[in-house]
Amino acid sequence: MAVEGRDFNVEEYEPSGWPEDFPQRLESLLGMADLTRGDLARHLGVTERTVQRWLVGGGRPKGGSYYAIMQLSRSVPGGFELMLYGEARE
């Protein structure tokens, strides 16, 4: 995929400017979606330990994982707004 005249690989994408409360936003999204950490890990094809690391602020999802989390947020009422703004807006 090309973005602004350059190749774009979703698997290597890492957004800049992560919100400091990203772990709380992700934890809230899991609750809103009625998913466990294990459910999310299986959905993303990562280990539960990786998800746990994201939730304690020890790392951030990249590429396909980030994309899949944002897609998941779009399927949950108020989830996308939660991930973007830090609060669910309906």
PDB file of N, CA and C in Angstrom:
ATOM      1  N   MET A   1       0.855  -1.157   0.000  1.00  0.00           N
ATOM      2  CA  MET A   1       0.000   0.000   0.000  1.00  0.00           C
ATOM      3  C   MET A   1       0.907   1.227   0.000  1.00  0.00           C
ATOM      4  N   ALA A   2       0.546   2.248  -0.750  1.00  0.00           N
ATOM      5  CA  ALA A   2       1.331   3.483  -0.795  1.00  0.00           C
ATOM      6  C   ALA A   2       0.607   4.586  -0.029  1.00  0.00           C
ATOM      7  N   VAL A   3       1.348   5.307   0.771  1.00  0.00           N
ATOM      8  CA  VAL A   3       0.829   6.431   1.530  1.00  0.00           C
ATOM      9  C   VAL A   3       1.752   7.611   1.272  1.00  0.00           C
ATOM     10  N   GLU A   4       1.202   8.694   0.758  1.00  0.00           N
ATOM     11  CA  GLU A   4       1.979   9.896   0.465  1.00  0.00           C
ATOM     12  C   GLU A   4       3.240   9.577  -0.324  1.00  0.00           C
ATOM     13  N   GLY A   5       3.090   8.768  -1.353  1.00  0.00           N
ATOM     14  CA  GLY A   5       4.195   8.473  -2.233  1.00  0.00           C
ATOM     15  C   GLY A   5       5.236   7.505  -1.688  1.00  0.00           C
ATOM     16  N   ARG A   6       4.952   6.844  -0.593  1.00  0.00           N
ATOM     17  CA  ARG A   6       5.902   5.865  -0.057  1.00  0.00           C
ATOM     18  C   ARG A   6       5.164   4.573   0.265  1.00  0.00           C
ATOM     19  N   ASP A   7       5.903   3.500   0.349  1.00  0.00           N
ATOM     20  CA  ASP A   7       5.293   2.216   0.694  1.00  0.00           C
ATOM     21  C   ASP A   7       4.883   2.221   2.155  1.00  0.00           C
ATOM     22  N   PHE A   8       3.767   1.588   2.439  1.00  0.00           N
ATOM     23  CA  PHE A   8       3.235   1.518   3.798  1.00  0.00           C
ATOM     24  C   PHE A   8       2.981   0.070   4.130  1.00  0.00           C
ATOM     25  N   ASN A   9       3.593  -0.414   5.182  1.00  0.00           N
ATOM     26  CA  ASN A   9       3.416  -1.789   5.619  1.00  0.00           C
ATOM     27  C   ASN A   9       2.689  -1.767   6.954  1.00  0.00           C
ATOM     28  N   VAL A  10       1.438  -2.205   6.975  1.00  0.00           N
ATOM     29  CA  VAL A  10       0.637  -2.163   8.197  1.00  0.00           C
ATOM     30  C   VAL A  10       1.265  -2.979   9.313  1.00  0.00           C
ATOM     31  N   GLU A  11       1.997  -4.017   8.984  1.00  0.00           N
ATOM     32  CA  GLU A  11       2.622  -4.853  10.010  1.00  0.00           C
ATOM     33  C   GLU A  11       3.740  -4.123  10.745  1.00  0.00           C
ATOM     34  N   GLU A  12       4.310  -3.087  10.142  1.00  0.00           N
ATOM     35  CA  GLU A  12       5.400  -2.346  10.770  1.00  0.00           C
ATOM     36  C   GLU A  12       4.954  -0.993  11.319  1.00  0.00           C
ATOM     37  N   TYR A  13       3.688  -0.656  11.126  1.00  0.00           N
ATOM     38  CA  TYR A  13       3.196   0.652  11.545  1.00  0.00           C
ATOM     39  C   TYR A  13       3.194   0.799  13.063  1.00  0.00           C
ATOM     40  N   GLU A  14       3.690   1.919  13.536  1.00  0.00           N
ATOM     41  CA  GLU A  14       3.644   2.245  14.959  1.00  0.00           C
ATOM     42  C   GLU A  14       3.239   3.708  15.064  1.00  0.00           C
ATOM     43  N   PRO A  15       2.056   3.973  15.598  1.00  0.00           N
ATOM     44  CA  PRO A  15       1.603   5.361  15.676  1.00  0.00           C
ATOM     45  C   PRO A  15       2.505   6.177  16.591  1.00  0.00           C
ATOM     46  N   SER A  16       2.595   7.449  16.292  1.00  0.00           N
ATOM     47  CA  SER A  16       3.367   8.336  17.158  1.00  0.00           C
ATOM     48  C   SER A  16       2.412   9.018  18.123  1.00  0.00           C
ATOM     49  N   GLY A  17       2.941   9.512  19.213  1.00  0.00           N
ATOM     50  CA  GLY A  17       2.119  10.264  20.149  1.00  0.00           C
ATOM     51  C   GLY A  17       1.130   9.429  20.933  1.00  0.00           C
ATOM     52  N   TRP A  18       1.559   8.295  21.459  1.00  0.00           N
ATOM     53  CA  TRP A  18       0.670   7.462  22.262  1.00  0.00           C
ATOM     54  C   TRP A  18       0.165   8.246  23.462  1.00  0.00           C
ATOM     55  N   PRO A  19      -1.114   8.148  23.773  1.00  0.00           N
ATOM     56  CA  PRO A  19      -1.604   8.785  25.001  1.00  0.00           C
ATOM     57  C   PRO A  19      -1.048   8.067  26.223  1.00  0.00           C
ATOM     58  N   GLU A  20      -0.754   8.821  27.262  1.00  0.00           N
ATOM     59  CA  GLU A  20      -0.204   8.216  28.476  1.00  0.00           C
ATOM     60  C   GLU A  20      -1.151   7.196  29.088  1.00  0.00           C
ATOM     61  N   ASP A  21      -2.449   7.402  28.900  1.00  0.00           N
ATOM     62  CA  ASP A  21      -3.435   6.494  29.491  1.00  0.00           C
ATOM     63  C   ASP A  21      -3.853   5.369  28.536  1.00  0.00           C
ATOM     64  N   PHE A  22      -3.017   5.067  27.534  1.00  0.00           N
ATOM     65  CA  PHE A  22      -3.361   3.992  26.603  1.00  0.00           C
ATOM     66  C   PHE A  22      -3.700   2.686  27.320  1.00  0.00           C
ATOM     67  N   PRO A  23      -2.923   2.259  28.333  1.00  0.00           N
ATOM     68  CA  PRO A  23      -3.278   1.002  29.003  1.00  0.00           C
ATOM     69  C   PRO A  23      -4.691   1.025  29.592  1.00  0.00           C
ATOM     70  N   GLN A  24      -5.083   2.133  30.186  1.00  0.00           N
ATOM     71  CA  GLN A  24      -6.429   2.234  30.755  1.00  0.00           C
ATOM     72  C   GLN A  24      -7.489   2.213  29.653  1.00  0.00           C
ATOM     73  N   ARG A  25      -7.196   2.867  28.549  1.00  0.00           N
ATOM     74  CA  ARG A  25      -8.149   2.859  27.425  1.00  0.00           C
ATOM     75  C   ARG A  25      -8.339   1.446  26.903  1.00  0.00           C
ATOM     76  N   LEU A  26      -7.240   0.717  26.759  1.00  0.00           N
ATOM     77  CA  LEU A  26      -7.338  -0.654  26.253  1.00  0.00           C
ATOM     78  C   LEU A  26      -8.091  -1.541  27.242  1.00  0.00           C
ATOM     79  N   GLU A  27      -7.803  -1.388  28.522  1.00  0.00           N
ATOM     80  CA  GLU A  27      -8.513  -2.174  29.549  1.00  0.00           C
ATOM     81  C   GLU A  27     -10.013  -1.861  29.512  1.00  0.00           C
ATOM     82  N   SER A  28     -10.358  -0.600  29.359  1.00  0.00           N
ATOM     83  CA  SER A  28     -11.775  -0.212  29.274  1.00  0.00           C
ATOM     84  C   SER A  28     -12.426  -0.797  28.034  1.00  0.00           C
ATOM     85  N   LEU A  29     -11.707  -0.779  26.914  1.00  0.00           N
ATOM     86  CA  LEU A  29     -12.240  -1.357  25.683  1.00  0.00           C
ATOM     87  C   LEU A  29     -12.522  -2.846  25.866  1.00  0.00           C
ATOM     88  N   LEU A  30     -11.624  -3.543  26.526  1.00  0.00           N
ATOM     89  CA  LEU A  30     -11.862  -4.968  26.779  1.00  0.00           C
ATOM     90  C   LEU A  30     -13.140  -5.163  27.581  1.00  0.00           C
ATOM     91  N   GLY A  31     -13.346  -4.343  28.595  1.00  0.00           N
ATOM     92  CA  GLY A  31     -14.564  -4.440  29.391  1.00  0.00           C
ATOM     93  C   GLY A  31     -15.806  -4.147  28.572  1.00  0.00           C
ATOM     94  N   MET A  32     -15.727  -3.102  27.755  1.00  0.00           N
ATOM     95  CA  MET A  32     -16.873  -2.733  26.916  1.00  0.00           C
ATOM     96  C   MET A  32     -17.209  -3.840  25.917  1.00  0.00           C
ATOM     97  N   ALA A  33     -16.180  -4.525  25.426  1.00  0.00           N
ATOM     98  CA  ALA A  33     -16.368  -5.589  24.438  1.00  0.00           C
ATOM     99  C   ALA A  33     -16.627  -6.942  25.094  1.00  0.00           C
ATOM    100  N   ASP A  34     -16.582  -6.985  26.431  1.00  0.00           N
ATOM    101  CA  ASP A  34     -16.748  -8.220  27.190  1.00  0.00           C
ATOM    102  C   ASP A  34     -15.737  -9.274  26.756  1.00  0.00           C
ATOM    103  N   LEU A  35     -14.468  -8.836  26.632  1.00  0.00           N
ATOM    104  CA  LEU A  35     -13.377  -9.722  26.252  1.00  0.00           C
ATOM    105  C   LEU A  35     -12.369  -9.818  27.382  1.00  0.00           C
ATOM    106  N   THR A  36     -11.740 -10.968  27.487  1.00  0.00           N
ATOM    107  CA  THR A  36     -10.640 -11.130  28.429  1.00  0.00           C
ATOM    108  C   THR A  36      -9.339 -10.783  27.717  1.00  0.00           C
ATOM    109  N   ARG A  37      -8.289 -10.686  28.496  1.00  0.00           N
ATOM    110  CA  ARG A  37      -6.963 -10.458  27.914  1.00  0.00           C
ATOM    111  C   ARG A  37      -6.592 -11.617  26.998  1.00  0.00           C
ATOM    112  N   GLY A  38      -6.947 -12.820  27.406  1.00  0.00           N
ATOM    113  CA  GLY A  38      -6.694 -13.999  26.585  1.00  0.00           C
ATOM    114  C   GLY A  38      -7.465 -13.964  25.277  1.00  0.00           C
ATOM    115  N   ASP A  39      -8.720 -13.510  25.345  1.00  0.00           N
ATOM    116  CA  ASP A  39      -9.527 -13.380  24.123  1.00  0.00           C
ATOM    117  C   ASP A  39      -8.843 -12.432  23.139  1.00  0.00           C
ATOM    118  N   LEU A  40      -8.399 -11.288  23.665  1.00  0.00           N
ATOM    119  CA  LEU A  40      -7.740 -10.305  22.792  1.00  0.00           C
ATOM    120  C   LEU A  40      -6.460 -10.892  22.209  1.00  0.00           C
ATOM    121  N   ALA A  41      -5.685 -11.553  23.034  1.00  0.00           N
ATOM    122  CA  ALA A  41      -4.430 -12.146  22.556  1.00  0.00           C
ATOM    123  C   ALA A  41      -4.695 -13.133  21.422  1.00  0.00           C
ATOM    124  N   ARG A  42      -5.679 -13.999  21.600  1.00  0.00           N
ATOM    125  CA  ARG A  42      -6.012 -14.971  20.546  1.00  0.00           C
ATOM    126  C   ARG A  42      -6.484 -14.271  19.285  1.00  0.00           C
ATOM    127  N   HIS A  43      -7.299 -13.236  19.440  1.00  0.00           N
ATOM    128  CA  HIS A  43      -7.804 -12.480  18.291  1.00  0.00           C
ATOM    129  C   HIS A  43      -6.663 -11.833  17.507  1.00  0.00           C
ATOM    130  N   LEU A  44      -5.653 -11.351  18.236  1.00  0.00           N
ATOM    131  CA  LEU A  44      -4.535 -10.649  17.596  1.00  0.00           C
ATOM    132  C   LEU A  44      -3.406 -11.569  17.168  1.00  0.00           C
ATOM    133  N   GLY A  45      -3.415 -12.808  17.665  1.00  0.00           N
ATOM    134  CA  GLY A  45      -2.328 -13.719  17.342  1.00  0.00           C
ATOM    135  C   GLY A  45      -1.048 -13.403  18.103  1.00  0.00           C
ATOM    136  N   VAL A  46      -1.211 -12.864  19.322  1.00  0.00           N
ATOM    137  CA  VAL A  46      -0.066 -12.583  20.190  1.00  0.00           C
ATOM    138  C   VAL A  46      -0.256 -13.363  21.481  1.00  0.00           C
ATOM    139  N   THR A  47       0.736 -13.340  22.331  1.00  0.00           N
ATOM    140  CA  THR A  47       0.607 -14.038  23.606  1.00  0.00           C
ATOM    141  C   THR A  47      -0.157 -13.173  24.602  1.00  0.00           C
ATOM    142  N   GLU A  48      -0.726 -13.845  25.593  1.00  0.00           N
ATOM    143  CA  GLU A  48      -1.412 -13.109  26.651  1.00  0.00           C
ATOM    144  C   GLU A  48      -0.406 -12.239  27.416  1.00  0.00           C
ATOM    145  N   ARG A  49       0.807 -12.705  27.507  1.00  0.00           N
ATOM    146  CA  ARG A  49       1.861 -11.918  28.163  1.00  0.00           C
ATOM    147  C   ARG A  49       2.094 -10.595  27.422  1.00  0.00           C
ATOM    148  N   THR A  50       2.034 -10.616  26.104  1.00  0.00           N
ATOM    149  CA  THR A  50       2.188  -9.388  25.319  1.00  0.00           C
ATOM    150  C   THR A  50       1.075  -8.410  25.647  1.00  0.00           C
ATOM    151  N   VAL A  51      -0.160  -8.902  25.686  1.00  0.00           N
ATOM    152  CA  VAL A  51      -1.300  -8.040  26.035  1.00  0.00           C
ATOM    153  C   VAL A  51      -1.111  -7.491  27.448  1.00  0.00           C
ATOM    154  N   GLN A  52      -0.699  -8.347  28.366  1.00  0.00           N
ATOM    155  CA  GLN A  52      -0.451  -7.909  29.739  1.00  0.00           C
ATOM    156  C   GLN A  52       0.590  -6.786  29.767  1.00  0.00           C
ATOM    157  N   ARG A  53       1.644  -6.924  28.992  1.00  0.00           N
ATOM    158  CA  ARG A  53       2.683  -5.894  28.938  1.00  0.00           C
ATOM    159  C   ARG A  53       2.110  -4.561  28.461  1.00  0.00           C
ATOM    160  N   TRP A  54       1.240  -4.610  27.446  1.00  0.00           N
ATOM    161  CA  TRP A  54       0.603  -3.376  26.970  1.00  0.00           C
ATOM    162  C   TRP A  54      -0.224  -2.735  28.080  1.00  0.00           C
ATOM    163  N   LEU A  55      -0.887  -3.570  28.870  1.00  0.00           N
ATOM    164  CA  LEU A  55      -1.799  -3.066  29.897  1.00  0.00           C
ATOM    165  C   LEU A  55      -1.093  -2.492  31.125  1.00  0.00           C
ATOM    166  N   VAL A  56       0.168  -2.820  31.296  1.00  0.00           N
ATOM    167  CA  VAL A  56       0.920  -2.238  32.411  1.00  0.00           C
ATOM    168  C   VAL A  56       1.884  -1.160  31.927  1.00  0.00           C
ATOM    169  N   GLY A  57       1.788  -0.812  30.647  1.00  0.00           N
ATOM    170  CA  GLY A  57       2.608   0.268  30.105  1.00  0.00           C
ATOM    171  C   GLY A  57       4.006  -0.142  29.699  1.00  0.00           C
ATOM    172  N   GLY A  58       4.251  -1.440  29.560  1.00  0.00           N
ATOM    173  CA  GLY A  58       5.580  -1.913  29.190  1.00  0.00           C
ATOM    174  C   GLY A  58       5.808  -2.050  27.703  1.00  0.00           C
ATOM    175  N   GLY A  59       4.938  -1.547  26.904  1.00  0.00           N
ATOM    176  CA  GLY A  59       5.064  -1.626  25.456  1.00  0.00           C
ATOM    177  C   GLY A  59       3.760  -1.203  24.819  1.00  0.00           C
ATOM    178  N   ARG A  60       3.764  -1.098  23.535  1.00  0.00           N
ATOM    179  CA  ARG A  60       2.571  -0.705  22.794  1.00  0.00           C
ATOM    180  C   ARG A  60       2.412  -1.615  21.587  1.00  0.00           C
ATOM    181  N   PRO A  61       1.172  -1.866  21.172  1.00  0.00           N
ATOM    182  CA  PRO A  61       0.969  -2.694  19.985  1.00  0.00           C
ATOM    183  C   PRO A  61       1.492  -1.996  18.735  1.00  0.00           C
ATOM    184  N   LYS A  62       1.935  -2.787  17.803  1.00  0.00           N
ATOM    185  CA  LYS A  62       2.439  -2.263  16.533  1.00  0.00           C
ATOM    186  C   LYS A  62       1.677  -2.913  15.395  1.00  0.00           C
ATOM    187  N   GLY A  63       1.797  -2.321  14.248  1.00  0.00           N
ATOM    188  CA  GLY A  63       1.338  -2.893  12.998  1.00  0.00           C
ATOM    189  C   GLY A  63      -0.047  -3.482  13.028  1.00  0.00           C
ATOM    190  N   GLY A  64      -0.114  -4.741  12.664  1.00  0.00           N
ATOM    191  CA  GLY A  64      -1.390  -5.424  12.562  1.00  0.00           C
ATOM    192  C   GLY A  64      -2.141  -5.482  13.879  1.00  0.00           C
ATOM    193  N   SER A  65      -1.424  -5.557  14.990  1.00  0.00           N
ATOM    194  CA  SER A  65      -2.095  -5.591  16.297  1.00  0.00           C
ATOM    195  C   SER A  65      -2.783  -4.264  16.578  1.00  0.00           C
ATOM    196  N   TYR A  66      -2.082  -3.172  16.314  1.00  0.00           N
ATOM    197  CA  TYR A  66      -2.679  -1.848  16.513  1.00  0.00           C
ATOM    198  C   TYR A  66      -3.915  -1.687  15.622  1.00  0.00           C
ATOM    199  N   TYR A  67      -3.768  -2.064  14.366  1.00  0.00           N
ATOM    200  CA  TYR A  67      -4.873  -1.961  13.410  1.00  0.00           C
ATOM    201  C   TYR A  67      -6.068  -2.787  13.880  1.00  0.00           C
ATOM    202  N   ALA A  68      -5.823  -4.021  14.329  1.00  0.00           N
ATOM    203  CA  ALA A  68      -6.913  -4.895  14.774  1.00  0.00           C
ATOM    204  C   ALA A  68      -7.596  -4.349  16.026  1.00  0.00           C
ATOM    205  N   ILE A  69      -6.829  -3.748  16.936  1.00  0.00           N
ATOM    206  CA  ILE A  69      -7.434  -3.141  18.126  1.00  0.00           C
ATOM    207  C   ILE A  69      -8.341  -1.984  17.717  1.00  0.00           C
ATOM    208  N   MET A  70      -7.894  -1.177  16.785  1.00  0.00           N
ATOM    209  CA  MET A  70      -8.726  -0.055  16.337  1.00  0.00           C
ATOM    210  C   MET A  70      -9.961  -0.553  15.595  1.00  0.00           C
ATOM    211  N   GLN A  71      -9.826  -1.629  14.832  1.00  0.00           N
ATOM    212  CA  GLN A  71     -10.994  -2.224  14.172  1.00  0.00           C
ATOM    213  C   GLN A  71     -11.967  -2.756  15.216  1.00  0.00           C
ATOM    214  N   LEU A  72     -11.453  -3.424  16.235  1.00  0.00           N
ATOM    215  CA  LEU A  72     -12.296  -3.909  17.320  1.00  0.00           C
ATOM    216  C   LEU A  72     -13.025  -2.737  17.969  1.00  0.00           C
ATOM    217  N   SER A  73     -12.320  -1.655  18.220  1.00  0.00           N
ATOM    218  CA  SER A  73     -12.941  -0.498  18.873  1.00  0.00           C
ATOM    219  C   SER A  73     -14.107   0.050  18.055  1.00  0.00           C
ATOM    220  N   ARG A  74     -14.025  -0.069  16.750  1.00  0.00           N
ATOM    221  CA  ARG A  74     -15.101   0.423  15.882  1.00  0.00           C
ATOM    222  C   ARG A  74     -16.347  -0.448  15.980  1.00  0.00           C
ATOM    223  N   SER A  75     -16.182  -1.698  16.425  1.00  0.00           N
ATOM    224  CA  SER A  75     -17.328  -2.608  16.516  1.00  0.00           C
ATOM    225  C   SER A  75     -18.039  -2.525  17.867  1.00  0.00           C
ATOM    226  N   VAL A  76     -17.501  -1.731  18.779  1.00  0.00           N
ATOM    227  CA  VAL A  76     -18.056  -1.603  20.133  1.00  0.00           C
ATOM    228  C   VAL A  76     -18.638  -0.196  20.269  1.00  0.00           C
ATOM    229  N   PRO A  77     -19.913  -0.061  20.618  1.00  0.00           N
ATOM    230  CA  PRO A  77     -20.483   1.286  20.774  1.00  0.00           C
ATOM    231  C   PRO A  77     -19.651   2.128  21.738  1.00  0.00           C
ATOM    232  N   GLY A  78     -19.159   3.256  21.248  1.00  0.00           N
ATOM    233  CA  GLY A  78     -18.340   4.168  22.033  1.00  0.00           C
ATOM    234  C   GLY A  78     -16.871   3.778  22.105  1.00  0.00           C
ATOM    235  N   GLY A  79     -16.516   2.622  21.579  1.00  0.00           N
ATOM    236  CA  GLY A  79     -15.145   2.124  21.683  1.00  0.00           C
ATOM    237  C   GLY A  79     -14.128   2.928  20.898  1.00  0.00           C
ATOM    238  N   PHE A  80     -14.495   3.325  19.693  1.00  0.00           N
ATOM    239  CA  PHE A  80     -13.559   4.081  18.857  1.00  0.00           C
ATOM    240  C   PHE A  80     -13.266   5.433  19.498  1.00  0.00           C
ATOM    241  N   GLU A  81     -14.296   6.077  20.010  1.00  0.00           N
ATOM    242  CA  GLU A  81     -14.120   7.365  20.674  1.00  0.00           C
ATOM    243  C   GLU A  81     -13.275   7.207  21.933  1.00  0.00           C
ATOM    244  N   LEU A  82     -13.488   6.111  22.645  1.00  0.00           N
ATOM    245  CA  LEU A  82     -12.675   5.825  23.828  1.00  0.00           C
ATOM    246  C   LEU A  82     -11.198   5.756  23.450  1.00  0.00           C
ATOM    247  N   MET A  83     -10.884   5.013  22.409  1.00  0.00           N
ATOM    248  CA  MET A  83      -9.485   4.852  22.020  1.00  0.00           C
ATOM    249  C   MET A  83      -8.892   6.163  21.499  1.00  0.00           C
ATOM    250  N   LEU A  84      -9.700   6.991  20.837  1.00  0.00           N
ATOM    251  CA  LEU A  84      -9.178   8.254  20.307  1.00  0.00           C
ATOM    252  C   LEU A  84      -9.126   9.363  21.339  1.00  0.00           C
ATOM    253  N   TYR A  85     -10.173   9.503  22.129  1.00  0.00           N
ATOM    254  CA  TYR A  85     -10.309  10.669  23.017  1.00  0.00           C
ATOM    255  C   TYR A  85     -10.189  10.349  24.491  1.00  0.00           C
ATOM    256  N   GLY A  86     -10.193   9.069  24.852  1.00  0.00           N
ATOM    257  CA  GLY A  86     -10.086   8.691  26.253  1.00  0.00           C
ATOM    258  C   GLY A  86     -11.417   8.585  26.964  1.00  0.00           C
ATOM    259  N   GLU A  87     -12.499   8.771  26.227  1.00  0.00           N
ATOM    260  CA  GLU A  87     -13.833   8.608  26.826  1.00  0.00           C
ATOM    261  C   GLU A  87     -14.785   8.145  25.737  1.00  0.00           C
ATOM    262  N   ALA A  88     -15.736   7.342  26.155  1.00  0.00           N
ATOM    263  CA  ALA A  88     -16.736   6.833  25.214  1.00  0.00           C
ATOM    264  C   ALA A  88     -17.776   7.918  24.969  1.00  0.00           C
ATOM    265  N   ARG A  89     -17.972   8.220  23.704  1.00  0.00           N
ATOM    266  CA  ARG A  89     -19.000   9.188  23.310  1.00  0.00           C
ATOM    267  C   ARG A  89     -19.977   8.457  22.434  1.00  0.00           C
ATOM    268  N   GLU A  90     -21.233   8.671  22.668  1.00  0.00           N
ATOM    269  CA  GLU A  90     -22.223   7.958  21.850  1.00  0.00           C
ATOM    270  C   GLU A  90     -23.028   8.906  21.021  1.00  0.00           C
TER     271      GLU A  90
END
